Amino acid sequence: MITIDLDSAEPLFNQLMMQIKLAVQQKNLLPGDPLPSIRQLATDLDINAKTVAKAYRLLERDNVIESKGYRGSFVHSQALNNLDADIKKWLHDVIALDIARYRETGATDSEIRVVFQNVLSGNNLSGSKPSTMPNENKQSEE
């Protein structure tokens, strides 16, 4: 049974994800088992349906559950193998490599931060076109 602590500092969607992963790990939910509908689970837990939808979407992204259209959501056949999916760690590792590359070109942390924020905000440099890395021009001239 899934329980949510409304007084916890942990986001509700994350609590829900952890509860479902724990149920899979403890084999209370098996591959192919149906999950409650988003609306039903939201009603049962007295939380917003968008919160349940977010948790389901992230669990589906990590291949812990799968959606089968109008038939609902089910435990993924490889759920046990995917419980440790950690997109945050993957993002950290990939971005750390990118930041090291940007620093090698001479970009400052402040410049990197500003550009990341602009990209995340959807802001494009006005009238800008794709450019090359500062060191790329030097290498191609040699």
Protein backbone atom coordinates (compact mmCIF):
# COMPACT_ATOMS: atom_id res chain seq x y z
CA MET A 1 0.00 0.00 0.00
CA ILE A 2 1.27 3.44 -0.93
CA THR A 3 1.38 6.09 1.79
CA ILE A 4 2.37 9.71 1.51
CA ASP A 5 3.48 12.02 4.33
CA LEU A 6 1.88 15.37 3.57
CA ASP A 7 4.00 17.02 6.30
CA SER A 8 7.34 15.80 4.92
CA ALA A 9 9.77 18.19 3.27
CA GLU A 10 10.26 15.51 0.57
CA PRO A 11 8.24 16.44 -2.55
CA LEU A 12 5.07 14.37 -2.88
CA PHE A 13 5.91 13.12 -6.38
CA ASN A 14 9.28 11.87 -5.10
CA GLN A 15 7.65 10.12 -2.13
CA LEU A 16 5.27 8.42 -4.54
CA MET A 17 8.12 7.33 -6.82
CA MET A 18 10.09 5.92 -3.88
CA GLN A 19 7.02 4.04 -2.59
CA ILE A 20 6.41 2.43 -5.98
CA LYS A 21 10.11 1.55 -6.38
CA LEU A 22 10.13 0.05 -2.89
CA ALA A 23 7.03 -2.03 -3.69
CA VAL A 24 8.78 -3.34 -6.82
CA GLN A 25 12.00 -4.04 -4.91
CA GLN A 26 10.13 -5.93 -2.19
CA LYS A 27 8.19 -7.78 -4.91
CA ASN A 28 4.85 -6.44 -3.68
CA LEU A 29 4.48 -5.21 -7.27
CA LEU A 30 5.58 -7.61 -9.98
CA PRO A 31 6.28 -7.05 -13.70
CA GLY A 32 2.99 -6.69 -15.52
CA ASP A 33 1.01 -5.74 -12.40
CA PRO A 34 -1.41 -2.89 -13.04
CA LEU A 35 -1.08 0.37 -11.15
CA PRO A 36 -4.05 2.47 -10.09
CA SER A 37 -5.10 5.12 -12.57
CA ILE A 38 -3.69 8.58 -11.99
CA ARG A 39 -7.08 9.91 -10.95
CA GLN A 40 -7.79 6.96 -8.63
CA LEU A 41 -4.43 7.14 -6.87
CA ALA A 42 -4.71 10.91 -6.48
CA THR A 43 -8.14 10.46 -4.91
CA ASP A 44 -6.95 7.63 -2.64
CA LEU A 45 -3.97 9.66 -1.42
CA ASP A 46 -5.84 12.99 -1.38
CA ILE A 47 -3.23 14.68 -3.58
CA ASN A 48 -3.35 16.50 -6.90
CA ALA A 49 -3.62 14.31 -10.00
CA LYS A 50 -0.77 16.32 -11.59
CA THR A 51 1.51 15.12 -8.79
CA VAL A 52 0.68 11.49 -9.53
CA ALA A 53 1.04 12.12 -13.27
CA LYS A 54 4.52 13.59 -12.72
CA ALA A 55 5.61 10.59 -10.65
CA TYR A 56 4.24 8.17 -13.24
CA ARG A 57 5.91 10.10 -16.08
CA LEU A 58 9.30 9.97 -14.33
CA LEU A 59 8.90 6.28 -13.45
CA GLU A 60 8.03 5.60 -17.08
CA ARG A 61 11.09 7.56 -18.23
CA ASP A 62 13.21 5.31 -15.98
CA ASN A 63 11.48 2.13 -17.28
CA VAL A 64 10.08 1.21 -13.88
CA ILE A 65 6.52 1.40 -15.19
CA GLU A 66 5.02 1.51 -18.67
CA SER A 67 1.89 3.09 -19.98
CA LYS A 68 -0.32 1.07 -22.27
CA GLY A 69 -2.58 3.87 -23.46
CA TYR A 70 -6.19 3.58 -22.41
CA ARG A 71 -5.47 0.30 -20.57
CA GLY A 72 -3.42 2.12 -17.92
CA SER A 73 0.02 1.86 -16.36
CA PHE A 74 1.79 -1.36 -15.46
CA VAL A 75 5.03 -2.42 -13.80
CA HIS A 76 7.69 -2.64 -16.52
CA SER A 77 9.05 -6.10 -17.34
CA GLN A 78 12.58 -4.87 -16.46
CA ALA A 79 11.55 -2.76 -13.46
CA LEU A 80 13.82 -4.58 -11.01
CA ASN A 81 16.83 -3.84 -13.21
CA ASN A 82 15.88 -0.16 -13.53
CA LEU A 83 15.29 0.78 -9.89
CA ASP A 84 18.67 2.46 -9.63
CA ALA A 85 18.20 4.71 -12.64
CA ASP A 86 19.55 8.06 -11.53
CA ILE A 87 19.24 10.78 -14.11
CA LYS A 88 20.62 13.35 -11.66
CA LYS A 89 23.93 11.49 -11.41
CA TRP A 90 24.07 11.03 -15.17
CA LEU A 91 23.36 14.74 -15.74
CA HIS A 92 26.00 15.68 -13.17
CA ASP A 93 28.61 13.53 -14.88
CA VAL A 94 27.79 14.78 -18.39
CA ILE A 95 27.59 18.44 -17.38
CA ALA A 96 30.82 18.18 -15.35
CA LEU A 97 32.63 16.99 -18.48
CA ASP A 98 31.10 19.81 -20.52
CA ILE A 99 32.04 22.43 -17.92
CA ALA A 100 35.63 21.17 -17.89
CA ARG A 101 35.68 21.56 -21.68
CA TYR A 102 34.27 25.11 -21.44
CA ARG A 103 36.89 26.05 -18.84
CA GLU A 104 39.65 24.72 -21.14
CA THR A 105 38.53 27.23 -23.77
CA GLY A 106 38.89 30.04 -21.24
CA ALA A 107 35.22 30.51 -20.32
CA THR A 108 34.76 31.77 -16.77
CA ASP A 109 32.38 30.15 -14.30
CA SER A 110 30.29 33.32 -14.42
CA GLU A 111 29.97 33.13 -18.22
CA ILE A 112 29.08 29.45 -18.03
CA ARG A 113 26.45 30.13 -15.36
CA VAL A 114 24.85 32.95 -17.36
CA VAL A 115 24.69 30.88 -20.54
CA PHE A 116 23.25 27.84 -18.71
CA GLN A 117 20.59 30.05 -17.15
CA ASN A 118 19.73 31.59 -20.53
CA VAL A 119 19.47 28.17 -22.15
CA LEU A 120 17.31 26.81 -19.32
CA SER A 121 15.08 29.88 -19.56
CA GLY A 122 14.72 29.48 -23.31
CA ASN A 123 16.46 32.78 -23.96
CA ASN A 124 18.49 32.93 -27.12
CA LEU A 125 21.17 35.49 -27.75
CA SER A 126 19.47 38.03 -29.98
CA GLY A 127 20.28 37.50 -33.62
CA SER A 128 22.95 34.98 -32.81
CA LYS A 129 23.89 32.20 -35.10
CA PRO A 130 25.70 29.01 -34.16
CA SER A 131 29.31 29.74 -33.45
CA THR A 132 32.49 27.77 -33.10
CA MET A 133 34.52 27.31 -29.94
CA PRO A 134 37.22 29.99 -29.59
CA ASN A 135 40.03 27.45 -30.02
CA GLU A 136 38.40 25.77 -33.04
CA ASN A 137 39.25 28.71 -35.33
CA LYS A 138 42.91 28.60 -34.34
CA GLN A 139 43.16 24.87 -35.00
CA SER A 140 41.56 25.10 -38.42
CA GLU A 141 43.92 27.93 -39.48
CA GLU A 142 47.05 25.87 -38.71
